[in-house]
């Protein structure tokens, strides 16, 4: 494992105020929608999903990244050597970081549909094959979460929270998120409007109508619900998708996940 970054992304990392780290299919776009809507209302500026990517603004610059996951699943060999997707430890120690995690069984379920229904280069896998895939399967998902925990947990100025917590109590968890980002009580009118805007059903409608004007939130096939980015947002959705054999396999692999994550 490398901990350097000598790629052209290093400047973006250096300029960031906050790092938002998550594995793909963990709810990042949902959180990102809330955060960017909040700042667009608070500072009376047009909303878009990349608002907090901008620098030298009144609002915080937030670097959203899948970091280690992209290093393993997306980077070419030269990109791995330069550490293109890696945040060097010195920046992690000196800036705020937010870590969002989710049940690996639900991650691999959503990732299956991402790879087979949404990706521009959709691939053909059976569900049985996919969860056992060397790169995209549940073993690598669990390994990545464990490596992040070993490397990042306990950093000063870090916030760890789960997708499930946001679903079960969005008001409390989004409030805590906004407070952490700003280091002060959020502006409540902007907060409440942003919370309503990022409601799951509203985001589904916005995606269906292509209101975001970005491929991040645009269904590949409007007649196929599984090709939507905002698909189900369900806790334990994997139980509806896999055979008993596959569920038993995933449950067995889950025993290798660090107890901190508390998935049973």
C-alpha atoms as a PDB file:
ATOM      1  CA  UNK A   1       0.000   0.000   0.000  1.00  0.00           C
ATOM      2  CA  UNK A   2       1.270   3.460  -0.889  1.00  0.00           C
ATOM      3  CA  UNK A   3       0.506   6.698   0.944  1.00  0.00           C
ATOM      4  CA  UNK A   4       1.805   9.295  -1.501  1.00  0.00           C
ATOM      5  CA  UNK A   5       0.200  11.228  -4.328  1.00  0.00           C
ATOM      6  CA  UNK A   6       2.372  12.760  -7.034  1.00  0.00           C
ATOM      7  CA  UNK A   7      -0.422  13.020  -9.593  1.00  0.00           C
ATOM      8  CA  UNK A   8      -2.181  16.145 -10.862  1.00  0.00           C
ATOM      9  CA  UNK A   9      -4.923  15.543  -8.269  1.00  0.00           C
ATOM     10  CA  UNK A  10      -2.565  16.467  -5.443  1.00  0.00           C
ATOM     11  CA  UNK A  11      -3.425  20.169  -5.805  1.00  0.00           C
ATOM     12  CA  UNK A  12      -7.126  19.434  -5.283  1.00  0.00           C
ATOM     13  CA  UNK A  13      -6.260  17.449  -2.183  1.00  0.00           C
ATOM     14  CA  UNK A  14      -4.023  20.220  -0.868  1.00  0.00           C
ATOM     15  CA  UNK A  15      -6.755  22.849  -1.392  1.00  0.00           C
ATOM     16  CA  UNK A  16      -9.535  20.858   0.269  1.00  0.00           C
ATOM     17  CA  UNK A  17     -10.935  21.898   3.641  1.00  0.00           C
ATOM     18  CA  UNK A  18     -12.643  18.565   4.266  1.00  0.00           C
ATOM     19  CA  UNK A  19     -12.282  15.042   2.881  1.00  0.00           C
ATOM     20  CA  UNK A  20     -15.417  12.961   2.376  1.00  0.00           C
ATOM     21  CA  UNK A  21     -14.370   9.319   2.050  1.00  0.00           C
ATOM     22  CA  UNK A  22     -16.649   6.427   1.215  1.00  0.00           C
ATOM     23  CA  UNK A  23     -16.813   3.234  -0.750  1.00  0.00           C
ATOM     24  CA  UNK A  24     -18.946   3.376  -3.891  1.00  0.00           C
ATOM     25  CA  UNK A  25     -22.687   2.723  -3.439  1.00  0.00           C
ATOM     26  CA  UNK A  26     -22.672   3.893   0.175  1.00  0.00           C
ATOM     27  CA  UNK A  27     -25.008   6.862  -0.269  1.00  0.00           C
ATOM     28  CA  UNK A  28     -22.469   9.530  -1.156  1.00  0.00           C
ATOM     29  CA  UNK A  29     -24.587  11.197  -3.858  1.00  0.00           C
ATOM     30  CA  UNK A  30     -27.468  11.545  -1.400  1.00  0.00           C
ATOM     31  CA  UNK A  31     -25.229  13.244   1.170  1.00  0.00           C
ATOM     32  CA  UNK A  32     -23.568  15.336  -1.512  1.00  0.00           C
ATOM     33  CA  UNK A  33     -26.960  16.577  -2.706  1.00  0.00           C
ATOM     34  CA  UNK A  34     -27.875  17.722   0.794  1.00  0.00           C
ATOM     35  CA  UNK A  35     -24.550  19.470   1.424  1.00  0.00           C
ATOM     36  CA  UNK A  36     -24.489  21.316  -1.894  1.00  0.00           C
ATOM     37  CA  UNK A  37     -28.132  22.339  -1.596  1.00  0.00           C
ATOM     38  CA  UNK A  38     -27.461  23.640   1.908  1.00  0.00           C
ATOM     39  CA  UNK A  39     -24.615  25.894   0.780  1.00  0.00           C
ATOM     40  CA  UNK A  40     -26.488  27.025  -2.332  1.00  0.00           C
ATOM     41  CA  UNK A  41     -29.378  28.247  -0.152  1.00  0.00           C
ATOM     42  CA  UNK A  42     -27.197  29.700   2.577  1.00  0.00           C
ATOM     43  CA  UNK A  43     -25.059  31.695   0.141  1.00  0.00           C
ATOM     44  CA  UNK A  44     -27.791  32.363  -2.435  1.00  0.00           C
ATOM     45  CA  UNK A  45     -25.980  30.725  -5.328  1.00  0.00           C
ATOM     46  CA  UNK A  46     -27.290  28.301  -7.995  1.00  0.00           C
ATOM     47  CA  UNK A  47     -27.338  24.664  -6.935  1.00  0.00           C
ATOM     48  CA  UNK A  48     -25.269  21.991  -8.597  1.00  0.00           C
ATOM     49  CA  UNK A  49     -23.619  18.809  -7.371  1.00  0.00           C
ATOM     50  CA  UNK A  50     -20.092  20.203  -7.666  1.00  0.00           C
ATOM     51  CA  UNK A  51     -20.615  23.401  -5.701  1.00  0.00           C
ATOM     52  CA  UNK A  52     -18.345  22.337  -2.840  1.00  0.00           C
ATOM     53  CA  UNK A  53     -15.617  21.361  -5.324  1.00  0.00           C
ATOM     54  CA  UNK A  54     -15.065  25.072  -5.919  1.00  0.00           C
ATOM     55  CA  UNK A  55     -12.231  26.836  -4.107  1.00  0.00           C
ATOM     56  CA  UNK A  56     -11.854  30.357  -2.728  1.00  0.00           C
ATOM     57  CA  UNK A  57     -15.552  30.614  -1.949  1.00  0.00           C
ATOM     58  CA  UNK A  58     -17.415  31.442   1.245  1.00  0.00           C
ATOM     59  CA  UNK A  59     -18.402  27.817   1.696  1.00  0.00           C
ATOM     60  CA  UNK A  60     -16.185  24.858   2.525  1.00  0.00           C
ATOM     61  CA  UNK A  61     -14.291  23.016  -0.180  1.00  0.00           C
ATOM     62  CA  UNK A  62     -15.132  19.336   0.229  1.00  0.00           C
ATOM     63  CA  UNK A  63     -13.138  16.688  -1.612  1.00  0.00           C
ATOM     64  CA  UNK A  64     -15.458  13.733  -2.260  1.00  0.00           C
ATOM     65  CA  UNK A  65     -13.487  10.577  -2.928  1.00  0.00           C
ATOM     66  CA  UNK A  66     -13.655   6.779  -2.953  1.00  0.00           C
ATOM     67  CA  UNK A  67      -9.881   6.890  -2.373  1.00  0.00           C
ATOM     68  CA  UNK A  68      -8.552   3.397  -1.647  1.00  0.00           C
ATOM     69  CA  UNK A  69     -11.515   1.729  -3.382  1.00  0.00           C
ATOM     70  CA  UNK A  70     -10.717   3.537  -6.649  1.00  0.00           C
ATOM     71  CA  UNK A  71      -7.031   2.769  -6.171  1.00  0.00           C
ATOM     72  CA  UNK A  72      -7.928  -0.935  -6.218  1.00  0.00           C
ATOM     73  CA  UNK A  73     -10.788  -0.998  -8.735  1.00  0.00           C
ATOM     74  CA  UNK A  74     -10.211   1.877 -11.163  1.00  0.00           C
ATOM     75  CA  UNK A  75      -6.571   2.975 -11.268  1.00  0.00           C
ATOM     76  CA  UNK A  76      -4.283   1.846 -14.054  1.00  0.00           C
ATOM     77  CA  UNK A  77      -0.821   0.616 -13.119  1.00  0.00           C
ATOM     78  CA  UNK A  78       0.819   4.037 -13.776  1.00  0.00           C
ATOM     79  CA  UNK A  79      -1.947   5.736 -11.771  1.00  0.00           C
ATOM     80  CA  UNK A  80      -1.293   3.395  -8.859  1.00  0.00           C
ATOM     81  CA  UNK A  81       2.390   4.274  -8.933  1.00  0.00           C
ATOM     82  CA  UNK A  82       1.600   7.997  -8.730  1.00  0.00           C
ATOM     83  CA  UNK A  83      -1.063   7.436  -6.067  1.00  0.00           C
ATOM     84  CA  UNK A  84      -3.695   9.240  -8.142  1.00  0.00           C
ATOM     85  CA  UNK A  85      -6.598   8.347  -5.843  1.00  0.00           C
ATOM     86  CA  UNK A  86      -4.697   8.341  -2.538  1.00  0.00           C
ATOM     87  CA  UNK A  87      -4.888  11.097   0.091  1.00  0.00           C
ATOM     88  CA  UNK A  88      -1.450  11.361   1.731  1.00  0.00           C
ATOM     89  CA  UNK A  89      -1.559  10.864   5.481  1.00  0.00           C
ATOM     90  CA  UNK A  90      -0.170  14.327   6.235  1.00  0.00           C
ATOM     91  CA  UNK A  91      -3.318  15.895   4.768  1.00  0.00           C
ATOM     92  CA  UNK A  92      -5.610  13.479   6.559  1.00  0.00           C
ATOM     93  CA  UNK A  93      -3.966  14.409   9.856  1.00  0.00           C
ATOM     94  CA  UNK A  94      -4.237  18.162   9.290  1.00  0.00           C
ATOM     95  CA  UNK A  95      -7.767  18.522   7.864  1.00  0.00           C
ATOM     96  CA  UNK A  96     -11.276  17.399   8.736  1.00  0.00           C
ATOM     97  CA  UNK A  97     -12.468  14.093   7.319  1.00  0.00           C
ATOM     98  CA  UNK A  98     -15.886  12.465   7.049  1.00  0.00           C
ATOM     99  CA  UNK A  99     -16.170   8.719   6.583  1.00  0.00           C
ATOM    100  CA  UNK A 100     -19.453   7.202   5.369  1.00  0.00           C
ATOM    101  CA  UNK A 101     -19.915   3.443   5.476  1.00  0.00           C
ATOM    102  CA  UNK A 102     -22.674   0.918   4.715  1.00  0.00           C
ATOM    103  CA  UNK A 103     -23.451  -2.781   5.116  1.00  0.00           C
ATOM    104  CA  UNK A 104     -21.130  -4.535   2.610  1.00  0.00           C
ATOM    105  CA  UNK A 105     -23.971  -6.856   1.569  1.00  0.00           C
ATOM    106  CA  UNK A 106     -26.059  -3.889   0.456  1.00  0.00           C
ATOM    107  CA  UNK A 107     -23.032  -2.247  -1.155  1.00  0.00           C
ATOM    108  CA  UNK A 108     -22.315  -5.272  -3.331  1.00  0.00           C
ATOM    109  CA  UNK A 109     -25.999  -5.461  -4.284  1.00  0.00           C
ATOM    110  CA  UNK A 110     -26.064  -1.836  -5.465  1.00  0.00           C
ATOM    111  CA  UNK A 111     -22.670  -2.238  -7.113  1.00  0.00           C
ATOM    112  CA  UNK A 112     -23.996  -5.209  -9.086  1.00  0.00           C
ATOM    113  CA  UNK A 113     -26.694  -3.024 -10.626  1.00  0.00           C
ATOM    114  CA  UNK A 114     -24.214  -0.191 -11.180  1.00  0.00           C
ATOM    115  CA  UNK A 115     -21.897  -2.465 -13.139  1.00  0.00           C
ATOM    116  CA  UNK A 116     -24.589  -4.305 -15.100  1.00  0.00           C
ATOM    117  CA  UNK A 117     -27.240  -1.597 -15.590  1.00  0.00           C
ATOM    118  CA  UNK A 118     -25.682   1.885 -15.295  1.00  0.00           C
ATOM    119  CA  UNK A 119     -22.052   1.735 -16.338  1.00  0.00           C
ATOM    120  CA  UNK A 120     -21.207   3.075 -19.808  1.00  0.00           C
ATOM    121  CA  UNK A 121     -19.363  -0.203 -20.330  1.00  0.00           C
ATOM    122  CA  UNK A 122     -21.931  -2.480 -18.700  1.00  0.00           C
ATOM    123  CA  UNK A 123     -20.602  -5.939 -17.956  1.00  0.00           C
ATOM    124  CA  UNK A 124     -22.379  -9.263 -17.806  1.00  0.00           C
ATOM    125  CA  UNK A 125     -22.266 -11.055 -14.460  1.00  0.00           C
ATOM    126  CA  UNK A 126     -24.601 -13.354 -12.628  1.00  0.00           C
ATOM    127  CA  UNK A 127     -25.287 -12.229  -9.073  1.00  0.00           C
ATOM    128  CA  UNK A 128     -23.642 -15.430  -7.871  1.00  0.00           C
ATOM    129  CA  UNK A 129     -20.462 -14.558  -9.791  1.00  0.00           C
ATOM    130  CA  UNK A 130     -20.455 -10.896  -8.911  1.00  0.00           C
ATOM    131  CA  UNK A 131     -20.416 -11.186  -5.125  1.00  0.00           C
ATOM    132  CA  UNK A 132     -17.394 -13.505  -5.469  1.00  0.00           C
ATOM    133  CA  UNK A 133     -15.569 -11.296  -7.982  1.00  0.00           C
ATOM    134  CA  UNK A 134     -11.920 -10.685  -7.099  1.00  0.00           C
ATOM    135  CA  UNK A 135     -12.166  -6.916  -7.600  1.00  0.00           C
ATOM    136  CA  UNK A 136     -15.821  -5.947  -7.084  1.00  0.00           C
ATOM    137  CA  UNK A 137     -16.980  -8.714  -4.762  1.00  0.00           C
ATOM    138  CA  UNK A 138     -17.708  -8.616  -1.062  1.00  0.00           C
ATOM    139  CA  UNK A 139     -14.251  -9.805   0.009  1.00  0.00           C
ATOM    140  CA  UNK A 140     -12.573  -6.726  -1.481  1.00  0.00           C
ATOM    141  CA  UNK A 141     -15.297  -4.453  -0.089  1.00  0.00           C
ATOM    142  CA  UNK A 142     -14.668  -5.787   3.415  1.00  0.00           C
ATOM    143  CA  UNK A 143     -10.894  -5.635   2.981  1.00  0.00           C
ATOM    144  CA  UNK A 144     -11.089  -1.973   1.916  1.00  0.00           C
ATOM    145  CA  UNK A 145     -13.300  -1.012   4.864  1.00  0.00           C
ATOM    146  CA  UNK A 146     -10.914  -2.763   7.256  1.00  0.00           C
ATOM    147  CA  UNK A 147      -7.881  -0.986   5.789  1.00  0.00           C
ATOM    148  CA  UNK A 148      -9.605   2.380   6.079  1.00  0.00           C
ATOM    149  CA  UNK A 149     -10.499   1.684   9.697  1.00  0.00           C
ATOM    150  CA  UNK A 150      -6.939   0.667  10.557  1.00  0.00           C
ATOM    151  CA  UNK A 151      -5.511   3.747   8.856  1.00  0.00           C
ATOM    152  CA  UNK A 152      -8.080   6.459   9.558  1.00  0.00           C
ATOM    153  CA  UNK A 153     -10.086   5.700  12.671  1.00  0.00           C
ATOM    154  CA  UNK A 154      -9.114   7.886  15.597  1.00  0.00           C
ATOM    155  CA  UNK A 155      -7.881  10.815  13.522  1.00  0.00           C
ATOM    156  CA  UNK A 156      -8.540  14.193  15.087  1.00  0.00           C
ATOM    157  CA  UNK A 157     -11.405  16.109  13.498  1.00  0.00           C
ATOM    158  CA  UNK A 158     -12.994  13.054  11.895  1.00  0.00           C
ATOM    159  CA  UNK A 159     -16.653  12.045  11.721  1.00  0.00           C
ATOM    160  CA  UNK A 160     -17.676   8.437  11.100  1.00  0.00           C
ATOM    161  CA  UNK A 161     -21.284   7.592  10.334  1.00  0.00           C
ATOM    162  CA  UNK A 162     -23.305   4.969   8.506  1.00  0.00           C
ATOM    163  CA  UNK A 163     -25.744   5.129   5.624  1.00  0.00           C
ATOM    164  CA  UNK A 164     -28.208   3.276   7.837  1.00  0.00           C
ATOM    165  CA  UNK A 165     -28.098   5.996  10.508  1.00  0.00           C
ATOM    166  CA  UNK A 166     -28.914   8.652   7.908  1.00  0.00           C
ATOM    167  CA  UNK A 167     -31.867   6.592   6.675  1.00  0.00           C
ATOM    168  CA  UNK A 168     -33.260   5.854  10.131  1.00  0.00           C
ATOM    169  CA  UNK A 169     -32.896   9.383  11.542  1.00  0.00           C
ATOM    170  CA  UNK A 170     -32.123  11.848   8.752  1.00  0.00           C
ATOM    171  CA  UNK A 171     -32.840  14.986  10.788  1.00  0.00           C
ATOM    172  CA  UNK A 172     -30.373  14.229  13.586  1.00  0.00           C
ATOM    173  CA  UNK A 173     -27.632  12.838  11.382  1.00  0.00           C
ATOM    174  CA  UNK A 174     -27.788  15.538   8.716  1.00  0.00           C
ATOM    175  CA  UNK A 175     -27.829  18.165  11.471  1.00  0.00           C
ATOM    176  CA  UNK A 176     -24.702  16.639  13.029  1.00  0.00           C
ATOM    177  CA  UNK A 177     -23.075  16.523   9.600  1.00  0.00           C
ATOM    178  CA  UNK A 178     -23.804  20.193   8.906  1.00  0.00           C
ATOM    179  CA  UNK A 179     -22.546  21.145  12.372  1.00  0.00           C
ATOM    180  CA  UNK A 180     -19.322  19.197  11.823  1.00  0.00           C
ATOM    181  CA  UNK A 181     -18.694  20.790   8.425  1.00  0.00           C
ATOM    182  CA  UNK A 182     -19.252  24.361   9.617  1.00  0.00           C
ATOM    183  CA  UNK A 183     -18.057  23.965  13.226  1.00  0.00           C
ATOM    184  CA  UNK A 184     -21.163  25.834  14.294  1.00  0.00           C
ATOM    185  CA  UNK A 185     -24.925  25.583  14.443  1.00  0.00           C
ATOM    186  CA  UNK A 186     -26.265  25.315  10.869  1.00  0.00           C
ATOM    187  CA  UNK A 187     -28.571  27.941   9.429  1.00  0.00           C
ATOM    188  CA  UNK A 188     -31.904  26.249  10.107  1.00  0.00           C
ATOM    189  CA  UNK A 189     -33.923  27.527   7.156  1.00  0.00           C
ATOM    190  CA  UNK A 190     -31.246  26.350   4.727  1.00  0.00           C
ATOM    191  CA  UNK A 191     -30.898  23.103   6.668  1.00  0.00           C
ATOM    192  CA  UNK A 192     -34.603  22.234   6.581  1.00  0.00           C
ATOM    193  CA  UNK A 193     -35.014  23.137   2.914  1.00  0.00           C
ATOM    194  CA  UNK A 194     -31.982  21.009   2.038  1.00  0.00           C
ATOM    195  CA  UNK A 195     -33.309  18.108   4.055  1.00  0.00           C
ATOM    196  CA  UNK A 196     -36.591  18.188   2.112  1.00  0.00           C
ATOM    197  CA  UNK A 197     -34.801  18.590  -1.208  1.00  0.00           C
ATOM    198  CA  UNK A 198     -32.611  15.532  -0.595  1.00  0.00           C
ATOM    199  CA  UNK A 199     -35.553  13.369   0.465  1.00  0.00           C
ATOM    200  CA  UNK A 200     -35.321   9.980  -1.259  1.00  0.00           C
ATOM    201  CA  UNK A 201     -38.590  10.269  -3.197  1.00  0.00           C
ATOM    202  CA  UNK A 202     -37.783  13.796  -4.334  1.00  0.00           C
ATOM    203  CA  UNK A 203     -34.365  12.689  -5.559  1.00  0.00           C
ATOM    204  CA  UNK A 204     -35.979   9.839  -7.502  1.00  0.00           C
ATOM    205  CA  UNK A 205     -38.305  12.312  -9.213  1.00  0.00           C
ATOM    206  CA  UNK A 206     -35.455  14.715  -9.918  1.00  0.00           C
ATOM    207  CA  UNK A 207     -33.406  11.928 -11.473  1.00  0.00           C
ATOM    208  CA  UNK A 208     -36.359  10.721 -13.539  1.00  0.00           C
ATOM    209  CA  UNK A 209     -36.826  14.242 -14.923  1.00  0.00           C
ATOM    210  CA  UNK A 210     -33.064  14.746 -15.448  1.00  0.00           C
ATOM    211  CA  UNK A 211     -33.233  17.808 -13.201  1.00  0.00           C
ATOM    212  CA  UNK A 212     -29.597  17.519 -12.107  1.00  0.00           C
ATOM    213  CA  UNK A 213     -28.285  17.759 -15.678  1.00  0.00           C
ATOM    214  CA  UNK A 214     -25.417  15.397 -14.924  1.00  0.00           C
ATOM    215  CA  UNK A 215     -24.721  11.759 -15.750  1.00  0.00           C
ATOM    216  CA  UNK A 216     -24.182  11.128 -12.025  1.00  0.00           C
ATOM    217  CA  UNK A 217     -27.950  11.339 -11.544  1.00  0.00           C
ATOM    218  CA  UNK A 218     -29.405  10.202 -14.846  1.00  0.00           C
ATOM    219  CA  UNK A 219     -30.951   6.756 -15.402  1.00  0.00           C
ATOM    220  CA  UNK A 220     -29.479   4.737 -18.246  1.00  0.00           C
ATOM    221  CA  UNK A 221     -32.933   3.352 -19.037  1.00  0.00           C
ATOM    222  CA  UNK A 222     -35.872   5.327 -17.666  1.00  0.00           C
ATOM    223  CA  UNK A 223     -38.080   2.224 -17.981  1.00  0.00           C
ATOM    224  CA  UNK A 224     -35.760   0.105 -15.816  1.00  0.00           C
ATOM    225  CA  UNK A 225     -35.850   1.082 -12.102  1.00  0.00           C
ATOM    226  CA  UNK A 226     -32.589  -0.817 -11.531  1.00  0.00           C
ATOM    227  CA  UNK A 227     -30.749   1.524 -13.912  1.00  0.00           C
ATOM    228  CA  UNK A 228     -31.458   4.530 -11.673  1.00  0.00           C
ATOM    229  CA  UNK A 229     -28.771   5.957  -9.400  1.00  0.00           C
ATOM    230  CA  UNK A 230     -31.426   6.497  -6.707  1.00  0.00           C
ATOM    231  CA  UNK A 231     -32.690   2.934  -6.784  1.00  0.00           C
ATOM    232  CA  UNK A 232     -34.226   1.657  -3.547  1.00  0.00           C
ATOM    233  CA  UNK A 233     -32.323   3.098  -0.596  1.00  0.00           C
ATOM    234  CA  UNK A 234     -33.280   0.109   1.515  1.00  0.00           C
ATOM    235  CA  UNK A 235     -31.595  -1.419   4.542  1.00  0.00           C
ATOM    236  CA  UNK A 236     -31.120  -5.146   4.029  1.00  0.00           C
ATOM    237  CA  UNK A 237     -32.154  -5.010   0.379  1.00  0.00           C
ATOM    238  CA  UNK A 238     -29.717  -7.825  -0.393  1.00  0.00           C
ATOM    239  CA  UNK A 239     -32.165 -10.254   1.249  1.00  0.00           C
ATOM    240  CA  UNK A 240     -34.563  -9.730  -1.671  1.00  0.00           C
ATOM    241  CA  UNK A 241     -31.898 -10.203  -4.327  1.00  0.00           C
ATOM    242  CA  UNK A 242     -29.878 -13.322  -3.562  1.00  0.00           C
ATOM    243  CA  UNK A 243     -30.317 -17.044  -3.031  1.00  0.00           C
ATOM    244  CA  UNK A 244     -29.911 -18.594   0.408  1.00  0.00           C
ATOM    245  CA  UNK A 245     -26.541 -19.951  -0.712  1.00  0.00           C
ATOM    246  CA  UNK A 246     -25.303 -16.498  -1.695  1.00  0.00           C
ATOM    247  CA  UNK A 247     -26.652 -14.883   1.480  1.00  0.00           C
ATOM    248  CA  UNK A 248     -24.890 -17.516   3.579  1.00  0.00           C
ATOM    249  CA  UNK A 249     -21.668 -16.841   1.670  1.00  0.00           C
ATOM    250  CA  UNK A 250     -21.901 -13.097   2.314  1.00  0.00           C
ATOM    251  CA  UNK A 251     -22.759 -13.623   5.984  1.00  0.00           C
ATOM    252  CA  UNK A 252     -19.714 -15.857   6.327  1.00  0.00           C
ATOM    253  CA  UNK A 253     -17.446 -13.237   4.732  1.00  0.00           C
ATOM    254  CA  UNK A 254     -18.955 -10.541   6.958  1.00  0.00           C
ATOM    255  CA  UNK A 255     -17.283 -12.196   9.944  1.00  0.00           C
ATOM    256  CA  UNK A 256     -14.006 -10.744   8.619  1.00  0.00           C
ATOM    257  CA  UNK A 257     -15.267  -7.158   8.936  1.00  0.00           C
ATOM    258  CA  UNK A 258     -13.914  -5.146  11.880  1.00  0.00           C
ATOM    259  CA  UNK A 259     -16.377  -5.205  14.823  1.00  0.00           C
ATOM    260  CA  UNK A 260     -16.479  -1.383  14.802  1.00  0.00           C
ATOM    261  CA  UNK A 261     -18.878  -1.453  11.856  1.00  0.00           C
ATOM    262  CA  UNK A 262     -21.325  -3.605  13.826  1.00  0.00           C
ATOM    263  CA  UNK A 263     -23.006  -5.447  10.962  1.00  0.00           C
ATOM    264  CA  UNK A 264     -24.336  -8.873  11.814  1.00  0.00           C
END
